[in-house]
Amino acid sequence: MIYTTSIVLIFIICILLILVVLVQNSKGGGLVSNFASSGQIMGARRTTDFLEKATWYLAGGLLAFSIIASLTIPRETIDPNKSLIEDQLKNAPGKTEMPTMPTNNPNTNPQPVNK
């Protein structure tokens, strides 16, 4: 249950991280250039700060959920006193028999070919 939830959250975080990184511009333009002339609540500087913080938080969340997922991977427990080879021999589908080989050669009496 925890493993499945963490895998779903990892996928969601990956998609959000891709979108946030694609919105940013490496030179500081990106989404900031659209708001440069307007004096809205989220101005040019605040947009850059928000995108940078979102990138760091998403990257940290991705790391945390990856560690949680690796710790909660469902694993089978194997009895150390039980031999895997013995188990395979006991659960074999059937007894193996020696294959029978043909006793006559099929090419000894060739049939004539009619043309």
PDB file of N, CA and C in Angstrom:
ATOM      1  N   MET A   1       0.822  -1.185   0.000  1.00  0.00           N
ATOM      2  CA  MET A   1       0.000   0.000   0.000  1.00  0.00           C
ATOM      3  C   MET A   1       0.872   1.257   0.000  1.00  0.00           C
ATOM      4  N   ILE A   2       1.835   1.296   0.896  1.00  0.00           N
ATOM      5  CA  ILE A   2       2.724   2.464   0.957  1.00  0.00           C
ATOM      6  C   ILE A   2       3.578   2.534  -0.311  1.00  0.00           C
ATOM      7  N   TYR A   3       3.996   1.371  -0.785  1.00  0.00           N
ATOM      8  CA  TYR A   3       4.826   1.333  -1.993  1.00  0.00           C
ATOM      9  C   TYR A   3       4.059   1.891  -3.189  1.00  0.00           C
ATOM     10  N   THR A   4       2.830   1.458  -3.380  1.00  0.00           N
ATOM     11  CA  THR A   4       2.018   1.922  -4.506  1.00  0.00           C
ATOM     12  C   THR A   4       1.747   3.421  -4.409  1.00  0.00           C
ATOM     13  N   THR A   5       1.441   3.884  -3.221  1.00  0.00           N
ATOM     14  CA  THR A   5       1.187   5.314  -3.019  1.00  0.00           C
ATOM     15  C   THR A   5       2.430   6.136  -3.327  1.00  0.00           C
ATOM     16  N   SER A   6       3.575   5.665  -2.873  1.00  0.00           N
ATOM     17  CA  SER A   6       4.806   6.429  -3.132  1.00  0.00           C
ATOM     18  C   SER A   6       5.170   6.427  -4.614  1.00  0.00           C
ATOM     19  N   ILE A   7       4.896   5.349  -5.321  1.00  0.00           N
ATOM     20  CA  ILE A   7       5.177   5.309  -6.757  1.00  0.00           C
ATOM     21  C   ILE A   7       4.266   6.293  -7.499  1.00  0.00           C
ATOM     22  N   VAL A   8       2.993   6.344  -7.120  1.00  0.00           N
ATOM     23  CA  VAL A   8       2.069   7.296  -7.752  1.00  0.00           C
ATOM     24  C   VAL A   8       2.515   8.727  -7.482  1.00  0.00           C
ATOM     25  N   LEU A   9       2.922   9.012  -6.246  1.00  0.00           N
ATOM     26  CA  LEU A   9       3.402  10.355  -5.911  1.00  0.00           C
ATOM     27  C   LEU A   9       4.694  10.703  -6.653  1.00  0.00           C
ATOM     28  N   ILE A  10       5.541   9.722  -6.869  1.00  0.00           N
ATOM     29  CA  ILE A  10       6.775   9.964  -7.635  1.00  0.00           C
ATOM     30  C   ILE A  10       6.427  10.376  -9.058  1.00  0.00           C
ATOM     31  N   PHE A  11       5.464   9.701  -9.674  1.00  0.00           N
ATOM     32  CA  PHE A  11       5.078  10.061 -11.038  1.00  0.00           C
ATOM     33  C   PHE A  11       4.473  11.467 -11.106  1.00  0.00           C
ATOM     34  N   ILE A  12       3.645  11.801 -10.123  1.00  0.00           N
ATOM     35  CA  ILE A  12       3.044  13.136 -10.100  1.00  0.00           C
ATOM     36  C   ILE A  12       4.118  14.204  -9.924  1.00  0.00           C
ATOM     37  N   ILE A  13       5.053  13.959  -9.007  1.00  0.00           N
ATOM     38  CA  ILE A  13       6.134  14.919  -8.778  1.00  0.00           C
ATOM     39  C   ILE A  13       7.003  15.062 -10.024  1.00  0.00           C
ATOM     40  N   CYS A  14       7.261  13.957 -10.703  1.00  0.00           N
ATOM     41  CA  CYS A  14       8.072  14.033 -11.935  1.00  0.00           C
ATOM     42  C   CYS A  14       7.399  14.905 -12.989  1.00  0.00           C
ATOM     43  N   ILE A  15       6.111  14.733 -13.164  1.00  0.00           N
ATOM     44  CA  ILE A  15       5.396  15.543 -14.163  1.00  0.00           C
ATOM     45  C   ILE A  15       5.413  17.018 -13.773  1.00  0.00           C
ATOM     46  N   LEU A  16       5.172  17.299 -12.492  1.00  0.00           N
ATOM     47  CA  LEU A  16       5.209  18.689 -12.034  1.00  0.00           C
ATOM     48  C   LEU A  16       6.603  19.288 -12.168  1.00  0.00           C
ATOM     49  N   LEU A  17       7.617  18.505 -11.865  1.00  0.00           N
ATOM     50  CA  LEU A  17       8.993  18.988 -11.977  1.00  0.00           C
ATOM     51  C   LEU A  17       9.362  19.289 -13.424  1.00  0.00           C
ATOM     52  N   ILE A  18       8.917  18.450 -14.338  1.00  0.00           N
ATOM     53  CA  ILE A  18       9.159  18.697 -15.764  1.00  0.00           C
ATOM     54  C   ILE A  18       8.500  20.001 -16.187  1.00  0.00           C
ATOM     55  N   LEU A  19       7.256  20.204 -15.764  1.00  0.00           N
ATOM     56  CA  LEU A  19       6.546  21.430 -16.146  1.00  0.00           C
ATOM     57  C   LEU A  19       7.210  22.679 -15.557  1.00  0.00           C
ATOM     58  N   VAL A  20       7.611  22.618 -14.299  1.00  0.00           N
ATOM     59  CA  VAL A  20       8.241  23.778 -13.660  1.00  0.00           C
ATOM     60  C   VAL A  20       9.576  24.105 -14.319  1.00  0.00           C
ATOM     61  N   VAL A  21      10.344  23.075 -14.655  1.00  0.00           N
ATOM     62  CA  VAL A  21      11.646  23.316 -15.296  1.00  0.00           C
ATOM     63  C   VAL A  21      11.460  23.869 -16.703  1.00  0.00           C
ATOM     64  N   LEU A  22      10.456  23.393 -17.416  1.00  0.00           N
ATOM     65  CA  LEU A  22      10.235  23.892 -18.772  1.00  0.00           C
ATOM     66  C   LEU A  22       9.736  25.337 -18.786  1.00  0.00           C
ATOM     67  N   VAL A  23       9.049  25.763 -17.740  1.00  0.00           N
ATOM     68  CA  VAL A  23       8.566  27.144 -17.667  1.00  0.00           C
ATOM     69  C   VAL A  23       9.729  28.099 -17.418  1.00  0.00           C
ATOM     70  N   GLN A  24      10.735  27.625 -16.703  1.00  0.00           N
ATOM     71  CA  GLN A  24      11.878  28.487 -16.384  1.00  0.00           C
ATOM     72  C   GLN A  24      12.741  28.715 -17.612  1.00  0.00           C
ATOM     73  N   ASN A  25      13.437  29.823 -17.600  1.00  0.00           N
ATOM     74  CA  ASN A  25      14.424  30.106 -18.626  1.00  0.00           C
ATOM     75  C   ASN A  25      15.773  30.136 -17.935  1.00  0.00           C
ATOM     76  N   SER A  26      16.772  29.570 -18.555  1.00  0.00           N
ATOM     77  CA  SER A  26      18.079  29.500 -17.909  1.00  0.00           C
ATOM     78  C   SER A  26      18.687  30.871 -17.682  1.00  0.00           C
ATOM     79  N   LYS A  27      18.279  31.876 -18.429  1.00  0.00           N
ATOM     80  CA  LYS A  27      18.839  33.219 -18.285  1.00  0.00           C
ATOM     81  C   LYS A  27      17.934  34.128 -17.463  1.00  0.00           C
ATOM     82  N   GLY A  28      16.899  33.576 -16.843  1.00  0.00           N
ATOM     83  CA  GLY A  28      16.037  34.378 -16.000  1.00  0.00           C
ATOM     84  C   GLY A  28      14.834  34.941 -16.718  1.00  0.00           C
ATOM     85  N   GLY A  29      14.622  34.606 -17.975  1.00  0.00           N
ATOM     86  CA  GLY A  29      13.472  35.119 -18.725  1.00  0.00           C
ATOM     87  C   GLY A  29      12.246  34.299 -18.412  1.00  0.00           C
ATOM     88  N   GLY A  30      11.990  33.278 -19.155  1.00  0.00           N
ATOM     89  CA  GLY A  30      10.902  32.337 -18.930  1.00  0.00           C
ATOM     90  C   GLY A  30       9.563  32.995 -18.686  1.00  0.00           C
ATOM     91  N   LEU A  31       8.917  32.619 -17.630  1.00  0.00           N
ATOM     92  CA  LEU A  31       7.616  33.159 -17.260  1.00  0.00           C
ATOM     93  C   LEU A  31       7.752  34.602 -16.780  1.00  0.00           C
ATOM     94  N   VAL A  32       8.931  34.969 -16.340  1.00  0.00           N
ATOM     95  CA  VAL A  32       9.179  36.314 -15.831  1.00  0.00           C
ATOM     96  C   VAL A  32       8.983  37.354 -16.925  1.00  0.00           C
ATOM     97  N   SER A  33       9.369  37.052 -18.140  1.00  0.00           N
ATOM     98  CA  SER A  33       9.277  38.029 -19.220  1.00  0.00           C
ATOM     99  C   SER A  33       7.829  38.406 -19.519  1.00  0.00           C
ATOM    100  N   ASN A  34       6.870  37.544 -19.232  1.00  0.00           N
ATOM    101  CA  ASN A  34       5.462  37.854 -19.463  1.00  0.00           C
ATOM    102  C   ASN A  34       4.922  38.860 -18.452  1.00  0.00           C
ATOM    103  N   PHE A  35       5.481  38.898 -17.263  1.00  0.00           N
ATOM    104  CA  PHE A  35       4.998  39.771 -16.203  1.00  0.00           C
ATOM    105  C   PHE A  35       5.913  40.963 -15.957  1.00  0.00           C
ATOM    106  N   ALA A  36       6.862  41.180 -16.795  1.00  0.00           N
ATOM    107  CA  ALA A  36       7.844  42.228 -16.543  1.00  0.00           C
ATOM    108  C   ALA A  36       7.226  43.616 -16.555  1.00  0.00           C
ATOM    109  N   SER A  37       6.301  43.885 -17.436  1.00  0.00           N
ATOM    110  CA  SER A  37       5.747  45.233 -17.544  1.00  0.00           C
ATOM    111  C   SER A  37       4.558  45.467 -16.622  1.00  0.00           C
ATOM    112  N   SER A  38       3.916  44.425 -16.158  1.00  0.00           N
ATOM    113  CA  SER A  38       2.736  44.611 -15.320  1.00  0.00           C
ATOM    114  C   SER A  38       3.136  44.632 -13.854  1.00  0.00           C
ATOM    115  N   GLY A  39       2.395  45.363 -13.059  1.00  0.00           N
ATOM    116  CA  GLY A  39       2.684  45.467 -11.643  1.00  0.00           C
ATOM    117  C   GLY A  39       1.736  44.606 -10.832  1.00  0.00           C
ATOM    118  N   GLN A  40       1.631  43.327 -11.156  1.00  0.00           N
ATOM    119  CA  GLN A  40       0.723  42.439 -10.448  1.00  0.00           C
ATOM    120  C   GLN A  40       1.344  42.006  -9.115  1.00  0.00           C
ATOM    121  N   ILE A  41       0.568  41.240  -8.371  1.00  0.00           N
ATOM    122  CA  ILE A  41       1.039  40.789  -7.063  1.00  0.00           C
ATOM    123  C   ILE A  41       2.297  39.942  -7.211  1.00  0.00           C
ATOM    124  N   MET A  42       2.281  39.031  -8.173  1.00  0.00           N
ATOM    125  CA  MET A  42       3.488  38.245  -8.424  1.00  0.00           C
ATOM    126  C   MET A  42       4.258  38.936  -9.537  1.00  0.00           C
ATOM    127  N   GLY A  43       5.161  39.767  -9.172  1.00  0.00           N
ATOM    128  CA  GLY A  43       5.952  40.482 -10.158  1.00  0.00           C
ATOM    129  C   GLY A  43       7.035  39.598 -10.725  1.00  0.00           C
ATOM    130  N   ALA A  44       7.964  40.204 -11.431  1.00  0.00           N
ATOM    131  CA  ALA A  44       9.017  39.457 -12.116  1.00  0.00           C
ATOM    132  C   ALA A  44       9.908  38.729 -11.121  1.00  0.00           C
ATOM    133  N   ARG A  45      10.300  39.376 -10.081  1.00  0.00           N
ATOM    134  CA  ARG A  45      11.210  38.760  -9.124  1.00  0.00           C
ATOM    135  C   ARG A  45      10.526  37.649  -8.333  1.00  0.00           C
ATOM    136  N   ARG A  46       9.276  37.882  -7.955  1.00  0.00           N
ATOM    137  CA  ARG A  46       8.563  36.875  -7.170  1.00  0.00           C
ATOM    138  C   ARG A  46       8.290  35.612  -7.986  1.00  0.00           C
ATOM    139  N   THR A  47       8.054  35.749  -9.278  1.00  0.00           N
ATOM    140  CA  THR A  47       7.824  34.579 -10.125  1.00  0.00           C
ATOM    141  C   THR A  47       9.071  33.724 -10.195  1.00  0.00           C
ATOM    142  N   THR A  48      10.226  34.369 -10.338  1.00  0.00           N
ATOM    143  CA  THR A  48      11.487  33.623 -10.386  1.00  0.00           C
ATOM    144  C   THR A  48      11.727  32.913  -9.063  1.00  0.00           C
ATOM    145  N   ASP A  49      11.471  33.606  -7.951  1.00  0.00           N
ATOM    146  CA  ASP A  49      11.655  32.982  -6.641  1.00  0.00           C
ATOM    147  C   ASP A  49      10.711  31.803  -6.462  1.00  0.00           C
ATOM    148  N   PHE A  50       9.460  31.961  -6.880  1.00  0.00           N
ATOM    149  CA  PHE A  50       8.484  30.882  -6.737  1.00  0.00           C
ATOM    150  C   PHE A  50       8.899  29.663  -7.557  1.00  0.00           C
ATOM    151  N   LEU A  51       9.311  29.861  -8.801  1.00  0.00           N
ATOM    152  CA  LEU A  51       9.703  28.737  -9.656  1.00  0.00           C
ATOM    153  C   LEU A  51      10.955  28.047  -9.122  1.00  0.00           C
ATOM    154  N   GLU A  52      11.888  28.834  -8.596  1.00  0.00           N
ATOM    155  CA  GLU A  52      13.106  28.240  -8.043  1.00  0.00           C
ATOM    156  C   GLU A  52      12.792  27.438  -6.787  1.00  0.00           C
ATOM    157  N   LYS A  53      11.953  27.981  -5.911  1.00  0.00           N
ATOM    158  CA  LYS A  53      11.576  27.249  -4.700  1.00  0.00           C
ATOM    159  C   LYS A  53      10.770  26.002  -5.044  1.00  0.00           C
ATOM    160  N   ALA A  54       9.874  26.125  -6.023  1.00  0.00           N
ATOM    161  CA  ALA A  54       9.086  24.960  -6.434  1.00  0.00           C
ATOM    162  C   ALA A  54       9.990  23.860  -6.974  1.00  0.00           C
ATOM    163  N   THR A  55      11.018  24.235  -7.724  1.00  0.00           N
ATOM    164  CA  THR A  55      11.951  23.241  -8.263  1.00  0.00           C
ATOM    165  C   THR A  55      12.674  22.522  -7.135  1.00  0.00           C
ATOM    166  N   TRP A  56      13.143  23.276  -6.150  1.00  0.00           N
ATOM    167  CA  TRP A  56      13.867  22.656  -5.036  1.00  0.00           C
ATOM    168  C   TRP A  56      12.951  21.774  -4.190  1.00  0.00           C
ATOM    169  N   TYR A  57      11.744  22.242  -3.920  1.00  0.00           N
ATOM    170  CA  TYR A  57      10.816  21.434  -3.122  1.00  0.00           C
ATOM    171  C   TYR A  57      10.405  20.152  -3.858  1.00  0.00           C
ATOM    172  N   LEU A  58      10.160  20.268  -5.144  1.00  0.00           N
ATOM    173  CA  LEU A  58       9.793  19.071  -5.917  1.00  0.00           C
ATOM    174  C   LEU A  58      10.959  18.090  -6.005  1.00  0.00           C
ATOM    175  N   ALA A  59      12.177  18.603  -6.162  1.00  0.00           N
ATOM    176  CA  ALA A  59      13.346  17.721  -6.215  1.00  0.00           C
ATOM    177  C   ALA A  59      13.549  17.029  -4.865  1.00  0.00           C
ATOM    178  N   GLY A  60      13.359  17.768  -3.778  1.00  0.00           N
ATOM    179  CA  GLY A  60      13.468  17.152  -2.450  1.00  0.00           C
ATOM    180  C   GLY A  60      12.383  16.122  -2.214  1.00  0.00           C
ATOM    181  N   GLY A  61      11.162  16.417  -2.650  1.00  0.00           N
ATOM    182  CA  GLY A  61      10.075  15.455  -2.522  1.00  0.00           C
ATOM    183  C   GLY A  61      10.320  14.201  -3.346  1.00  0.00           C
ATOM    184  N   LEU A  62      10.879  14.389  -4.529  1.00  0.00           N
ATOM    185  CA  LEU A  62      11.208  13.244  -5.383  1.00  0.00           C
ATOM    186  C   LEU A  62      12.246  12.358  -4.710  1.00  0.00           C
ATOM    187  N   LEU A  63      13.258  12.969  -4.115  1.00  0.00           N
ATOM    188  CA  LEU A  63      14.283  12.211  -3.402  1.00  0.00           C
ATOM    189  C   LEU A  63      13.678  11.470  -2.218  1.00  0.00           C
ATOM    190  N   ALA A  64      12.852  12.158  -1.436  1.00  0.00           N
ATOM    191  CA  ALA A  64      12.254  11.533  -0.251  1.00  0.00           C
ATOM    192  C   ALA A  64      11.349  10.359  -0.632  1.00  0.00           C
ATOM    193  N   PHE A  65      10.492  10.555  -1.617  1.00  0.00           N
ATOM    194  CA  PHE A  65       9.588   9.473  -2.005  1.00  0.00           C
ATOM    195  C   PHE A  65      10.329   8.329  -2.692  1.00  0.00           C
ATOM    196  N   SER A  66      11.441   8.619  -3.345  1.00  0.00           N
ATOM    197  CA  SER A  66      12.249   7.537  -3.927  1.00  0.00           C
ATOM    198  C   SER A  66      12.865   6.675  -2.835  1.00  0.00           C
ATOM    199  N   ILE A  67      13.328   7.301  -1.771  1.00  0.00           N
ATOM    200  CA  ILE A  67      13.889   6.542  -0.649  1.00  0.00           C
ATOM    201  C   ILE A  67      12.793   5.733   0.037  1.00  0.00           C
ATOM    202  N   ILE A  68      11.630   6.341   0.240  1.00  0.00           N
ATOM    203  CA  ILE A  68      10.514   5.622   0.857  1.00  0.00           C
ATOM    204  C   ILE A  68      10.099   4.427  -0.004  1.00  0.00           C
ATOM    205  N   ALA A  69      10.048   4.627  -1.324  1.00  0.00           N
ATOM    206  CA  ALA A  69       9.666   3.525  -2.217  1.00  0.00           C
ATOM    207  C   ALA A  69      10.687   2.398  -2.180  1.00  0.00           C
ATOM    208  N   SER A  70      11.973   2.746  -2.118  1.00  0.00           N
ATOM    209  CA  SER A  70      12.988   1.696  -2.091  1.00  0.00           C
ATOM    210  C   SER A  70      12.981   0.928  -0.772  1.00  0.00           C
ATOM    211  N   LEU A  71      12.566   1.577   0.307  1.00  0.00           N
ATOM    212  CA  LEU A  71      12.489   0.890   1.594  1.00  0.00           C
ATOM    213  C   LEU A  71      11.244   0.023   1.737  1.00  0.00           C
ATOM    214  N   THR A  72      10.206   0.317   0.974  1.00  0.00           N
ATOM    215  CA  THR A  72       8.944  -0.419   1.123  1.00  0.00           C
ATOM    216  C   THR A  72       8.650  -1.351  -0.045  1.00  0.00           C
ATOM    217  N   ILE A  73       9.661  -1.727  -0.811  1.00  0.00           N
ATOM    218  CA  ILE A  73       9.450  -2.661  -1.922  1.00  0.00           C
ATOM    219  C   ILE A  73       8.973  -3.997  -1.355  1.00  0.00           C
ATOM    220  N   PRO A  74       7.872  -4.543  -1.873  1.00  0.00           N
ATOM    221  CA  PRO A  74       7.409  -5.844  -1.365  1.00  0.00           C
ATOM    222  C   PRO A  74       8.397  -6.942  -1.752  1.00  0.00           C
ATOM    223  N   ARG A  75       8.815  -7.688  -0.757  1.00  0.00           N
ATOM    224  CA  ARG A  75       9.783  -8.763  -0.978  1.00  0.00           C
ATOM    225  C   ARG A  75       9.215 -10.061  -0.419  1.00  0.00           C
ATOM    226  N   GLU A  76       9.590 -11.164  -1.056  1.00  0.00           N
ATOM    227  CA  GLU A  76       9.191 -12.470  -0.549  1.00  0.00           C
ATOM    228  C   GLU A  76      10.157 -12.887   0.547  1.00  0.00           C
ATOM    229  N   THR A  77       9.638 -13.554   1.537  1.00  0.00           N
ATOM    230  CA  THR A  77      10.517 -14.115   2.561  1.00  0.00           C
ATOM    231  C   THR A  77      10.717 -15.586   2.247  1.00  0.00           C
ATOM    232  N   ILE A  78      11.962 -15.991   2.214  1.00  0.00           N
ATOM    233  CA  ILE A  78      12.309 -17.368   1.898  1.00  0.00           C
ATOM    234  C   ILE A  78      12.849 -18.021   3.160  1.00  0.00           C
ATOM    235  N   ASP A  79      12.337 -19.207   3.449  1.00  0.00           N
ATOM    236  CA  ASP A  79      12.799 -19.950   4.613  1.00  0.00           C
ATOM    237  C   ASP A  79      14.239 -20.379   4.387  1.00  0.00           C
ATOM    238  N   PRO A  80      15.174 -19.960   5.245  1.00  0.00           N
ATOM    239  CA  PRO A  80      16.580 -20.314   5.011  1.00  0.00           C
ATOM    240  C   PRO A  80      16.848 -21.807   5.171  1.00  0.00           C
ATOM    241  N   ASN A  81      15.963 -22.528   5.865  1.00  0.00           N
ATOM    242  CA  ASN A  81      16.170 -23.962   6.062  1.00  0.00           C
ATOM    243  C   ASN A  81      15.631 -24.796   4.911  1.00  0.00           C
ATOM    244  N   LYS A  82      14.980 -24.167   3.974  1.00  0.00           N
ATOM    245  CA  LYS A  82      14.361 -24.888   2.868  1.00  0.00           C
ATOM    246  C   LYS A  82      15.246 -24.779   1.635  1.00  0.00           C
ATOM    247  N   SER A  83      15.489 -25.890   1.000  1.00  0.00           N
ATOM    248  CA  SER A  83      16.301 -25.913  -0.201  1.00  0.00           C
ATOM    249  C   SER A  83      15.420 -25.634  -1.417  1.00  0.00           C
ATOM    250  N   LEU A  84      15.848 -24.700  -2.249  1.00  0.00           N
ATOM    251  CA  LEU A  84      15.075 -24.381  -3.450  1.00  0.00           C
ATOM    252  C   LEU A  84      15.109 -25.531  -4.455  1.00  0.00           C
ATOM    253  N   ILE A  85      16.214 -26.244  -4.511  1.00  0.00           N
ATOM    254  CA  ILE A  85      16.326 -27.373  -5.455  1.00  0.00           C
ATOM    255  C   ILE A  85      15.378 -28.491  -5.037  1.00  0.00           C
ATOM    256  N   GLU A  86      15.320 -28.794  -3.718  1.00  0.00           N
ATOM    257  CA  GLU A  86      14.389 -29.821  -3.243  1.00  0.00           C
ATOM    258  C   GLU A  86      12.951 -29.431  -3.558  1.00  0.00           C
ATOM    259  N   ASP A  87      12.631 -28.171  -3.374  1.00  0.00           N
ATOM    260  CA  ASP A  87      11.286 -27.698  -3.652  1.00  0.00           C
ATOM    261  C   ASP A  87      10.937 -27.853  -5.127  1.00  0.00           C
ATOM    262  N   GLN A  88      11.879 -27.571  -6.001  1.00  0.00           N
ATOM    263  CA  GLN A  88      11.638 -27.732  -7.434  1.00  0.00           C
ATOM    264  C   GLN A  88      11.490 -29.204  -7.799  1.00  0.00           C
ATOM    265  N   LEU A  89      12.261 -30.073  -7.169  1.00  0.00           N
ATOM    266  CA  LEU A  89      12.153 -31.509  -7.461  1.00  0.00           C
ATOM    267  C   LEU A  89      10.821 -32.077  -6.975  1.00  0.00           C
ATOM    268  N   LYS A  90      10.384 -31.648  -5.802  1.00  0.00           N
ATOM    269  CA  LYS A  90       9.113 -32.154  -5.274  1.00  0.00           C
ATOM    270  C   LYS A  90       7.920 -31.636  -6.069  1.00  0.00           C
ATOM    271  N   ASN A  91       8.024 -30.439  -6.587  1.00  0.00           N
ATOM    272  CA  ASN A  91       6.914 -29.841  -7.320  1.00  0.00           C
ATOM    273  C   ASN A  91       7.062 -29.966  -8.833  1.00  0.00           C
ATOM    274  N   ALA A  92       7.872 -30.893  -9.275  1.00  0.00           N
ATOM    275  CA  ALA A  92       8.038 -31.111 -10.714  1.00  0.00           C
ATOM    276  C   ALA A  92       6.713 -31.582 -11.303  1.00  0.00           C
ATOM    277  N   PRO A  93       6.397 -31.202 -12.540  1.00  0.00           N
ATOM    278  CA  PRO A  93       5.089 -31.537 -13.109  1.00  0.00           C
ATOM    279  C   PRO A  93       4.870 -33.028 -13.312  1.00  0.00           C
ATOM    280  N   GLY A  94       5.885 -33.811 -13.581  1.00  0.00           N
ATOM    281  CA  GLY A  94       5.699 -35.238 -13.788  1.00  0.00           C
ATOM    282  C   GLY A  94       7.045 -35.937 -13.799  1.00  0.00           C
ATOM    283  N   LYS A  95       6.987 -37.237 -13.728  1.00  0.00           N
ATOM    284  CA  LYS A  95       8.216 -38.003 -13.770  1.00  0.00           C
ATOM    285  C   LYS A  95       8.817 -37.900 -15.160  1.00  0.00           C
ATOM    286  N   THR A  96      10.105 -37.780 -15.202  1.00  0.00           N
ATOM    287  CA  THR A  96      10.771 -37.728 -16.503  1.00  0.00           C
ATOM    288  C   THR A  96      11.067 -39.142 -16.961  1.00  0.00           C
ATOM    289  N   GLU A  97      10.813 -39.390 -18.201  1.00  0.00           N
ATOM    290  CA  GLU A  97      11.058 -40.704 -18.777  1.00  0.00           C
ATOM    291  C   GLU A  97      12.066 -40.579 -19.890  1.00  0.00           C
ATOM    292  N   MET A  98      12.707 -41.680 -20.183  1.00  0.00           N
ATOM    293  CA  MET A  98      13.665 -41.720 -21.266  1.00  0.00           C
ATOM    294  C   MET A  98      12.894 -41.670 -22.575  1.00  0.00           C
ATOM    295  N   PRO A  99      13.235 -40.728 -23.454  1.00  0.00           N
ATOM    296  CA  PRO A  99      12.509 -40.659 -24.720  1.00  0.00           C
ATOM    297  C   PRO A  99      12.771 -41.896 -25.571  1.00  0.00           C
ATOM    298  N   THR A 100      11.736 -42.345 -26.239  1.00  0.00           N
ATOM    299  CA  THR A 100      11.892 -43.518 -27.108  1.00  0.00           C
ATOM    300  C   THR A 100      12.318 -43.053 -28.486  1.00  0.00           C
ATOM    301  N   MET A 101      13.286 -43.741 -29.014  1.00  0.00           N
ATOM    302  CA  MET A 101      13.804 -43.419 -30.339  1.00  0.00           C
ATOM    303  C   MET A 101      13.175 -44.369 -31.356  1.00  0.00           C
ATOM    304  N   PRO A 102      12.997 -43.883 -32.601  1.00  0.00           N
ATOM    305  CA  PRO A 102      12.446 -44.794 -33.622  1.00  0.00           C
ATOM    306  C   PRO A 102      13.423 -45.946 -33.892  1.00  0.00           C
ATOM    307  N   THR A 103      12.860 -47.161 -34.048  1.00  0.00           N
ATOM    308  CA  THR A 103      13.714 -48.335 -34.258  1.00  0.00           C
ATOM    309  C   THR A 103      14.026 -48.576 -35.726  1.00  0.00           C
ATOM    310  N   ASN A 104      13.225 -48.039 -36.628  1.00  0.00           N
ATOM    311  CA  ASN A 104      13.535 -48.234 -38.040  1.00  0.00           C
ATOM    312  C   ASN A 104      13.852 -46.889 -38.683  1.00  0.00           C
ATOM    313  N   ASN A 105      14.608 -46.962 -39.728  1.00  0.00           N
ATOM    314  CA  ASN A 105      15.001 -45.760 -40.449  1.00  0.00           C
ATOM    315  C   ASN A 105      13.898 -45.420 -41.447  1.00  0.00           C
ATOM    316  N   PRO A 106      13.369 -44.207 -41.413  1.00  0.00           N
ATOM    317  CA  PRO A 106      12.272 -43.885 -42.337  1.00  0.00           C
ATOM    318  C   PRO A 106      12.727 -43.818 -43.795  1.00  0.00           C
ATOM    319  N   ASN A 107      13.999 -43.755 -44.068  1.00  0.00           N
ATOM    320  CA  ASN A 107      14.479 -43.635 -45.441  1.00  0.00           C
ATOM    321  C   ASN A 107      14.825 -44.997 -46.053  1.00  0.00           C
ATOM    322  N   THR A 108      14.581 -46.105 -45.370  1.00  0.00           N
ATOM    323  CA  THR A 108      14.922 -47.419 -45.924  1.00  0.00           C
ATOM    324  C   THR A 108      13.986 -47.824 -47.049  1.00  0.00           C
ATOM    325  N   ASN A 109      12.717 -47.443 -47.016  1.00  0.00           N
ATOM    326  CA  ASN A 109      11.773 -47.779 -48.074  1.00  0.00           C
ATOM    327  C   ASN A 109      11.247 -46.499 -48.702  1.00  0.00           C
ATOM    328  N   PRO A 110      12.060 -45.854 -49.512  1.00  0.00           N
ATOM    329  CA  PRO A 110      11.579 -44.606 -50.111  1.00  0.00           C
ATOM    330  C   PRO A 110      10.468 -44.882 -51.124  1.00  0.00           C
ATOM    331  N   GLN A 111       9.522 -44.022 -51.177  1.00  0.00           N
ATOM    332  CA  GLN A 111       8.414 -44.138 -52.118  1.00  0.00           C
ATOM    333  C   GLN A 111       8.814 -43.480 -53.419  1.00  0.00           C
ATOM    334  N   PRO A 112       8.446 -44.067 -54.558  1.00  0.00           N
ATOM    335  CA  PRO A 112       8.796 -43.444 -55.852  1.00  0.00           C
ATOM    336  C   PRO A 112       8.010 -42.167 -56.059  1.00  0.00           C
ATOM    337  N   VAL A 113       8.671 -41.208 -56.663  1.00  0.00           N
ATOM    338  CA  VAL A 113       8.039 -39.921 -56.921  1.00  0.00           C
ATOM    339  C   VAL A 113       7.502 -39.950 -58.349  1.00  0.00           C
ATOM    340  N   ASN A 114       6.235 -39.711 -58.542  1.00  0.00           N
ATOM    341  CA  ASN A 114       5.621 -39.669 -59.871  1.00  0.00           C
ATOM    342  C   ASN A 114       5.699 -38.268 -60.412  1.00  0.00           C
ATOM    343  N   LYS A 115       6.160 -38.178 -61.638  1.00  0.00           N
ATOM    344  CA  LYS A 115       6.244 -36.864 -62.282  1.00  0.00           C
ATOM    345  C   LYS A 115       5.219 -36.729 -63.346  1.00  0.00           C
TER     346      LYS A 115
END
